[in-house]
Amino acid sequence: MRHSRVHAAALTLGGLLVLAPVGVTPDGCGDLTGGRLCVEGPVGAKGTFTTRYVRHDTAAPSAVQLGYQRKDARITAFPGWFDTLRTKEGSTAGAGTLDTAPGECVRGLIHHNGRDYVTEWLCSDG
């Protein structure tokens, strides 16, 4: 009897593992409790960088400040901010032009309700 309970428990656990959602957070993104924050842009070159926030709950608009932070082998820079924006239908994005060097990294920032949240670093290959 004990063997069949252990076997049943193992099958149940195995079923849960198989049924669990398999999702990979894209490079330059960070999953937050309330949504996903991403930064996109040509790291290692000059171009437009966008920090985008998409909420899981689209019900109530909220004001958020969106920006970025840069780092290289020597220093991590202070945050730079694109703008304070309101979510519309659960999402918003801020953008600006940055001139990043090979070997540099950029991450997205969001400031909401007195707290800062960041994405993973998005780095150039150089």
N, C-alpha and C. Protein backbone atom coordinates (compact mmCIF):
# COMPACT_ATOMS: atom_id res chain seq x y z
N MET A 1 0.83 -1.20 0.00
CA MET A 1 0.00 0.00 0.00
C MET A 1 0.87 1.26 0.00
N ARG A 2 1.93 1.26 0.82
CA ARG A 2 2.80 2.43 0.91
C ARG A 2 3.45 2.70 -0.45
N HIS A 3 3.84 1.65 -1.17
CA HIS A 3 4.48 1.81 -2.48
C HIS A 3 3.53 2.50 -3.47
N SER A 4 2.26 2.13 -3.46
CA SER A 4 1.31 2.72 -4.41
C SER A 4 1.03 4.19 -4.09
N ARG A 5 1.04 4.57 -2.78
CA ARG A 5 0.87 5.98 -2.41
C ARG A 5 2.06 6.82 -2.87
N VAL A 6 3.26 6.27 -2.70
CA VAL A 6 4.46 6.99 -3.13
C VAL A 6 4.45 7.14 -4.65
N HIS A 7 4.10 6.07 -5.34
CA HIS A 7 4.03 6.11 -6.80
C HIS A 7 2.98 7.11 -7.27
N ALA A 8 1.82 7.15 -6.63
CA ALA A 8 0.77 8.09 -6.99
C ALA A 8 1.22 9.54 -6.74
N ALA A 9 1.92 9.75 -5.62
CA ALA A 9 2.42 11.10 -5.33
C ALA A 9 3.45 11.53 -6.37
N ALA A 10 4.31 10.61 -6.79
CA ALA A 10 5.31 10.92 -7.81
C ALA A 10 4.64 11.24 -9.14
N LEU A 11 3.61 10.51 -9.50
CA LEU A 11 2.89 10.78 -10.75
C LEU A 11 2.18 12.14 -10.68
N THR A 12 1.60 12.46 -9.54
CA THR A 12 0.94 13.75 -9.38
C THR A 12 1.94 14.87 -9.52
N LEU A 13 3.08 14.77 -8.85
CA LEU A 13 4.11 15.78 -8.93
C LEU A 13 4.62 15.89 -10.37
N GLY A 14 4.84 14.78 -11.02
CA GLY A 14 5.29 14.78 -12.41
C GLY A 14 4.29 15.45 -13.32
N GLY A 15 2.99 15.21 -13.07
CA GLY A 15 1.95 15.86 -13.85
C GLY A 15 1.97 17.36 -13.65
N LEU A 16 2.21 17.80 -12.43
CA LEU A 16 2.27 19.23 -12.16
C LEU A 16 3.44 19.87 -12.88
N LEU A 17 4.56 19.18 -12.90
CA LEU A 17 5.74 19.73 -13.56
C LEU A 17 5.53 19.83 -15.06
N VAL A 18 4.87 18.85 -15.63
CA VAL A 18 4.61 18.86 -17.07
C VAL A 18 3.60 19.95 -17.42
N LEU A 19 2.60 20.16 -16.57
CA LEU A 19 1.55 21.12 -16.86
C LEU A 19 1.93 22.56 -16.53
N ALA A 20 3.01 22.76 -15.80
CA ALA A 20 3.42 24.11 -15.43
C ALA A 20 3.79 24.88 -16.69
N PRO A 21 3.44 26.18 -16.76
CA PRO A 21 3.78 26.95 -17.95
C PRO A 21 5.28 27.08 -18.10
N VAL A 22 5.71 26.92 -19.33
CA VAL A 22 7.13 27.05 -19.62
C VAL A 22 7.30 28.36 -20.37
N GLY A 23 7.84 29.35 -19.67
CA GLY A 23 8.02 30.66 -20.28
C GLY A 23 9.41 31.17 -19.99
N VAL A 24 10.03 31.69 -21.00
CA VAL A 24 11.35 32.25 -20.84
C VAL A 24 11.21 33.76 -20.93
N THR A 25 11.75 34.45 -19.95
CA THR A 25 11.74 35.91 -19.98
C THR A 25 12.73 36.36 -21.05
N PRO A 26 12.28 37.16 -22.01
CA PRO A 26 13.18 37.61 -23.09
C PRO A 26 14.34 38.43 -22.56
N ASP A 27 15.45 38.45 -23.29
CA ASP A 27 16.60 39.29 -22.93
C ASP A 27 16.15 40.74 -22.80
N GLY A 28 16.65 41.42 -21.79
CA GLY A 28 16.31 42.81 -21.58
C GLY A 28 15.00 43.03 -20.85
N CYS A 29 14.38 41.94 -20.38
CA CYS A 29 13.10 42.05 -19.70
C CYS A 29 13.21 41.59 -18.25
N GLY A 30 12.22 41.95 -17.48
CA GLY A 30 12.11 41.51 -16.10
C GLY A 30 10.65 41.30 -15.77
N ASP A 31 10.33 40.17 -15.18
CA ASP A 31 8.95 39.89 -14.78
C ASP A 31 8.72 40.42 -13.38
N LEU A 32 7.72 41.27 -13.25
CA LEU A 32 7.35 41.86 -11.98
C LEU A 32 6.04 41.23 -11.51
N THR A 33 5.69 41.43 -10.28
CA THR A 33 4.44 40.89 -9.75
C THR A 33 3.25 41.36 -10.58
N GLY A 34 3.26 42.62 -10.99
CA GLY A 34 2.12 43.17 -11.71
C GLY A 34 2.24 43.21 -13.22
N GLY A 35 3.37 42.77 -13.77
CA GLY A 35 3.52 42.83 -15.22
C GLY A 35 4.94 42.53 -15.67
N ARG A 36 5.26 42.98 -16.86
CA ARG A 36 6.59 42.76 -17.44
C ARG A 36 7.18 44.09 -17.88
N LEU A 37 8.45 44.29 -17.56
CA LEU A 37 9.20 45.49 -17.93
C LEU A 37 10.30 45.06 -18.90
N CYS A 38 10.44 45.76 -20.03
CA CYS A 38 11.45 45.41 -21.02
C CYS A 38 12.15 46.66 -21.53
N VAL A 39 13.40 46.49 -21.91
CA VAL A 39 14.15 47.54 -22.60
C VAL A 39 14.63 46.95 -23.93
N GLU A 40 14.53 47.77 -24.98
CA GLU A 40 14.95 47.34 -26.32
C GLU A 40 15.78 48.45 -26.93
N GLY A 41 16.77 48.07 -27.69
CA GLY A 41 17.58 49.06 -28.39
C GLY A 41 18.87 48.44 -28.89
N PRO A 42 19.57 49.17 -29.74
CA PRO A 42 20.80 48.65 -30.34
C PRO A 42 22.01 48.85 -29.41
N VAL A 43 22.13 48.02 -28.38
CA VAL A 43 23.24 48.16 -27.43
C VAL A 43 24.55 47.99 -28.18
N GLY A 44 25.47 48.93 -27.97
CA GLY A 44 26.74 48.93 -28.68
C GLY A 44 26.74 49.86 -29.88
N ALA A 45 25.68 50.64 -30.03
CA ALA A 45 25.57 51.58 -31.16
C ALA A 45 24.68 52.75 -30.74
N LYS A 46 24.50 53.71 -31.62
CA LYS A 46 23.59 54.82 -31.38
C LYS A 46 22.23 54.45 -31.96
N GLY A 47 21.18 54.73 -31.19
CA GLY A 47 19.84 54.44 -31.69
C GLY A 47 18.77 54.68 -30.65
N THR A 48 17.55 54.37 -31.01
CA THR A 48 16.41 54.56 -30.12
C THR A 48 16.28 53.39 -29.17
N PHE A 49 16.20 53.72 -27.89
CA PHE A 49 15.96 52.73 -26.84
C PHE A 49 14.56 52.95 -26.29
N THR A 50 13.87 51.88 -26.05
CA THR A 50 12.50 51.94 -25.54
C THR A 50 12.39 51.10 -24.28
N THR A 51 11.82 51.69 -23.24
CA THR A 51 11.47 50.93 -22.03
C THR A 51 9.96 50.81 -22.04
N ARG A 52 9.48 49.57 -21.99
CA ARG A 52 8.05 49.28 -22.12
C ARG A 52 7.58 48.50 -20.89
N TYR A 53 6.43 48.91 -20.37
CA TYR A 53 5.82 48.21 -19.23
C TYR A 53 4.44 47.74 -19.65
N VAL A 54 4.17 46.45 -19.45
CA VAL A 54 2.87 45.86 -19.74
C VAL A 54 2.35 45.22 -18.47
N ARG A 55 1.21 45.70 -18.00
CA ARG A 55 0.59 45.17 -16.78
C ARG A 55 -0.22 43.93 -17.07
N HIS A 56 -0.29 43.03 -16.07
CA HIS A 56 -1.16 41.87 -16.19
C HIS A 56 -2.62 42.29 -16.07
N ASP A 57 -2.88 43.28 -15.22
CA ASP A 57 -4.22 43.78 -14.97
C ASP A 57 -4.37 45.10 -15.73
N THR A 58 -5.31 45.17 -16.65
CA THR A 58 -5.45 46.38 -17.46
C THR A 58 -6.55 47.30 -16.96
N ALA A 59 -7.11 47.03 -15.79
CA ALA A 59 -8.28 47.76 -15.31
C ALA A 59 -8.01 49.24 -15.02
N ALA A 60 -7.10 49.55 -14.14
CA ALA A 60 -6.92 50.94 -13.70
C ALA A 60 -5.63 51.54 -14.26
N PRO A 61 -5.72 52.70 -14.92
CA PRO A 61 -4.50 53.36 -15.37
C PRO A 61 -3.66 53.82 -14.17
N SER A 62 -2.37 53.83 -14.35
CA SER A 62 -1.51 54.33 -13.29
C SER A 62 -0.34 55.08 -13.91
N ALA A 63 0.20 56.04 -13.16
CA ALA A 63 1.34 56.83 -13.63
C ALA A 63 2.62 56.12 -13.24
N VAL A 64 3.52 55.97 -14.20
CA VAL A 64 4.82 55.36 -13.95
C VAL A 64 5.89 56.20 -14.62
N GLN A 65 7.07 56.18 -14.03
CA GLN A 65 8.22 56.86 -14.64
C GLN A 65 9.09 55.77 -15.26
N LEU A 66 9.41 55.92 -16.54
CA LEU A 66 10.19 54.92 -17.25
C LEU A 66 11.55 55.49 -17.64
N GLY A 67 12.57 54.63 -17.57
CA GLY A 67 13.91 55.08 -17.93
C GLY A 67 14.85 53.93 -18.17
N TYR A 68 16.14 54.19 -17.96
CA TYR A 68 17.18 53.22 -18.27
C TYR A 68 18.37 53.47 -17.34
N GLN A 69 19.26 52.50 -17.32
CA GLN A 69 20.53 52.62 -16.62
C GLN A 69 21.58 51.94 -17.48
N ARG A 70 22.78 52.50 -17.51
CA ARG A 70 23.87 51.96 -18.33
C ARG A 70 25.01 51.51 -17.44
N LYS A 71 25.78 50.54 -17.95
CA LYS A 71 27.02 50.16 -17.25
C LYS A 71 28.02 49.66 -18.28
N ASP A 72 29.30 49.76 -17.89
CA ASP A 72 30.36 49.14 -18.66
C ASP A 72 31.30 48.47 -17.66
N ALA A 73 32.48 48.11 -18.08
CA ALA A 73 33.41 47.39 -17.20
C ALA A 73 33.88 48.25 -16.03
N ARG A 74 33.80 49.59 -16.15
CA ARG A 74 34.31 50.48 -15.11
C ARG A 74 33.25 51.02 -14.15
N ILE A 75 32.06 51.31 -14.65
CA ILE A 75 31.10 52.06 -13.84
C ILE A 75 29.66 51.69 -14.18
N THR A 76 28.79 51.78 -13.20
CA THR A 76 27.35 51.71 -13.40
C THR A 76 26.82 53.12 -13.22
N ALA A 77 26.19 53.66 -14.24
CA ALA A 77 25.76 55.06 -14.24
C ALA A 77 24.46 55.26 -13.45
N PHE A 78 24.22 56.51 -13.08
CA PHE A 78 22.95 56.87 -12.46
C PHE A 78 21.83 56.67 -13.46
N PRO A 79 20.60 56.47 -12.99
CA PRO A 79 19.48 56.29 -13.92
C PRO A 79 19.24 57.52 -14.79
N GLY A 80 18.77 57.27 -15.98
CA GLY A 80 18.28 58.32 -16.88
C GLY A 80 16.80 58.05 -17.10
N TRP A 81 16.01 59.11 -17.15
CA TRP A 81 14.56 58.92 -17.25
C TRP A 81 14.04 59.45 -18.58
N PHE A 82 13.13 58.68 -19.21
CA PHE A 82 12.50 59.12 -20.45
C PHE A 82 11.35 60.07 -20.14
N ASP A 83 10.41 59.63 -19.28
CA ASP A 83 9.23 60.45 -19.02
C ASP A 83 8.37 59.76 -17.96
N THR A 84 7.43 60.51 -17.42
CA THR A 84 6.39 59.94 -16.56
C THR A 84 5.15 59.81 -17.44
N LEU A 85 4.65 58.61 -17.52
CA LEU A 85 3.54 58.30 -18.43
C LEU A 85 2.45 57.55 -17.69
N ARG A 86 1.25 57.56 -18.26
CA ARG A 86 0.14 56.78 -17.70
C ARG A 86 -0.07 55.55 -18.56
N THR A 87 -0.35 54.44 -17.89
CA THR A 87 -0.66 53.23 -18.66
C THR A 87 -2.00 53.44 -19.36
N LYS A 88 -2.09 52.90 -20.55
CA LYS A 88 -3.33 52.95 -21.33
C LYS A 88 -3.61 51.53 -21.78
N GLU A 89 -4.74 51.01 -21.38
CA GLU A 89 -5.10 49.61 -21.64
C GLU A 89 -4.00 48.68 -21.14
N GLY A 90 -3.39 49.06 -20.01
CA GLY A 90 -2.42 48.18 -19.34
C GLY A 90 -0.98 48.30 -19.77
N SER A 91 -0.66 49.21 -20.69
CA SER A 91 0.74 49.30 -21.09
C SER A 91 1.15 50.75 -21.37
N THR A 92 2.44 50.97 -21.36
CA THR A 92 3.00 52.27 -21.71
C THR A 92 4.46 52.08 -22.10
N ALA A 93 5.01 53.05 -22.81
CA ALA A 93 6.42 52.96 -23.23
C ALA A 93 7.02 54.35 -23.30
N GLY A 94 8.28 54.44 -22.94
CA GLY A 94 9.05 55.67 -23.06
C GLY A 94 10.28 55.39 -23.91
N ALA A 95 10.71 56.38 -24.69
CA ALA A 95 11.84 56.14 -25.59
C ALA A 95 12.72 57.38 -25.71
N GLY A 96 13.95 57.12 -26.09
CA GLY A 96 14.91 58.19 -26.33
C GLY A 96 16.12 57.62 -27.05
N THR A 97 16.96 58.51 -27.55
CA THR A 97 18.16 58.10 -28.27
C THR A 97 19.35 58.03 -27.33
N LEU A 98 20.07 56.92 -27.37
CA LEU A 98 21.29 56.73 -26.59
C LEU A 98 22.41 56.35 -27.55
N ASP A 99 23.62 56.73 -27.19
CA ASP A 99 24.80 56.34 -27.95
C ASP A 99 25.62 55.42 -27.06
N THR A 100 25.46 54.12 -27.24
CA THR A 100 26.14 53.14 -26.39
C THR A 100 27.34 52.56 -27.11
N ALA A 101 28.35 52.20 -26.34
CA ALA A 101 29.60 51.68 -26.89
C ALA A 101 29.61 50.15 -26.86
N PRO A 102 30.42 49.53 -27.72
CA PRO A 102 30.59 48.08 -27.63
C PRO A 102 31.05 47.69 -26.22
N GLY A 103 30.50 46.62 -25.70
CA GLY A 103 30.83 46.16 -24.35
C GLY A 103 29.97 46.79 -23.27
N GLU A 104 29.10 47.71 -23.64
CA GLU A 104 28.24 48.37 -22.67
C GLU A 104 26.94 47.58 -22.49
N CYS A 105 26.26 47.80 -21.36
CA CYS A 105 24.98 47.16 -21.05
C CYS A 105 23.96 48.23 -20.69
N VAL A 106 22.70 47.94 -20.94
CA VAL A 106 21.58 48.83 -20.61
C VAL A 106 20.50 47.98 -19.96
N ARG A 107 19.82 48.56 -18.96
CA ARG A 107 18.64 47.90 -18.40
C ARG A 107 17.52 48.91 -18.24
N GLY A 108 16.30 48.43 -18.30
CA GLY A 108 15.13 49.29 -18.16
C GLY A 108 14.82 49.54 -16.69
N LEU A 109 14.24 50.71 -16.42
CA LEU A 109 13.84 51.09 -15.07
C LEU A 109 12.39 51.56 -15.07
N ILE A 110 11.72 51.29 -13.98
CA ILE A 110 10.39 51.84 -13.76
C ILE A 110 10.34 52.32 -12.32
N HIS A 111 9.73 53.49 -12.12
CA HIS A 111 9.53 54.04 -10.78
C HIS A 111 8.02 54.16 -10.60
N HIS A 112 7.51 53.50 -9.56
CA HIS A 112 6.07 53.50 -9.32
C HIS A 112 5.82 53.39 -7.82
N ASN A 113 4.97 54.25 -7.31
CA ASN A 113 4.61 54.24 -5.88
C ASN A 113 5.82 54.27 -4.97
N GLY A 114 6.82 55.09 -5.33
CA GLY A 114 7.99 55.27 -4.47
C GLY A 114 9.03 54.17 -4.54
N ARG A 115 8.87 53.23 -5.45
CA ARG A 115 9.83 52.11 -5.57
C ARG A 115 10.35 52.02 -7.00
N ASP A 116 11.59 51.55 -7.12
CA ASP A 116 12.21 51.33 -8.42
C ASP A 116 12.31 49.84 -8.71
N TYR A 117 12.08 49.48 -9.96
CA TYR A 117 12.21 48.11 -10.43
C TYR A 117 13.06 48.14 -11.69
N VAL A 118 13.79 47.05 -11.95
CA VAL A 118 14.70 47.01 -13.10
C VAL A 118 14.53 45.71 -13.88
N THR A 119 14.99 45.76 -15.13
CA THR A 119 15.04 44.55 -15.95
C THR A 119 16.41 43.90 -15.76
N GLU A 120 16.61 42.78 -16.40
CA GLU A 120 17.94 42.20 -16.50
C GLU A 120 18.74 43.09 -17.44
N TRP A 121 20.07 43.00 -17.35
CA TRP A 121 20.93 43.78 -18.24
C TRP A 121 20.84 43.23 -19.66
N LEU A 122 20.81 44.12 -20.62
CA LEU A 122 20.87 43.80 -22.04
C LEU A 122 22.23 44.31 -22.51
N CYS A 123 23.13 43.42 -22.92
CA CYS A 123 24.51 43.79 -23.22
C CYS A 123 24.86 43.58 -24.69
N SER A 124 25.81 44.40 -25.17
CA SER A 124 26.31 44.21 -26.53
C SER A 124 27.30 43.05 -26.53
N ASP A 125 27.59 42.54 -27.69
CA ASP A 125 28.52 41.41 -27.80
C ASP A 125 29.97 41.86 -27.66
N GLY A 126 30.26 43.13 -27.95
CA GLY A 126 31.63 43.62 -27.96
C GLY A 126 32.09 43.93 -26.61
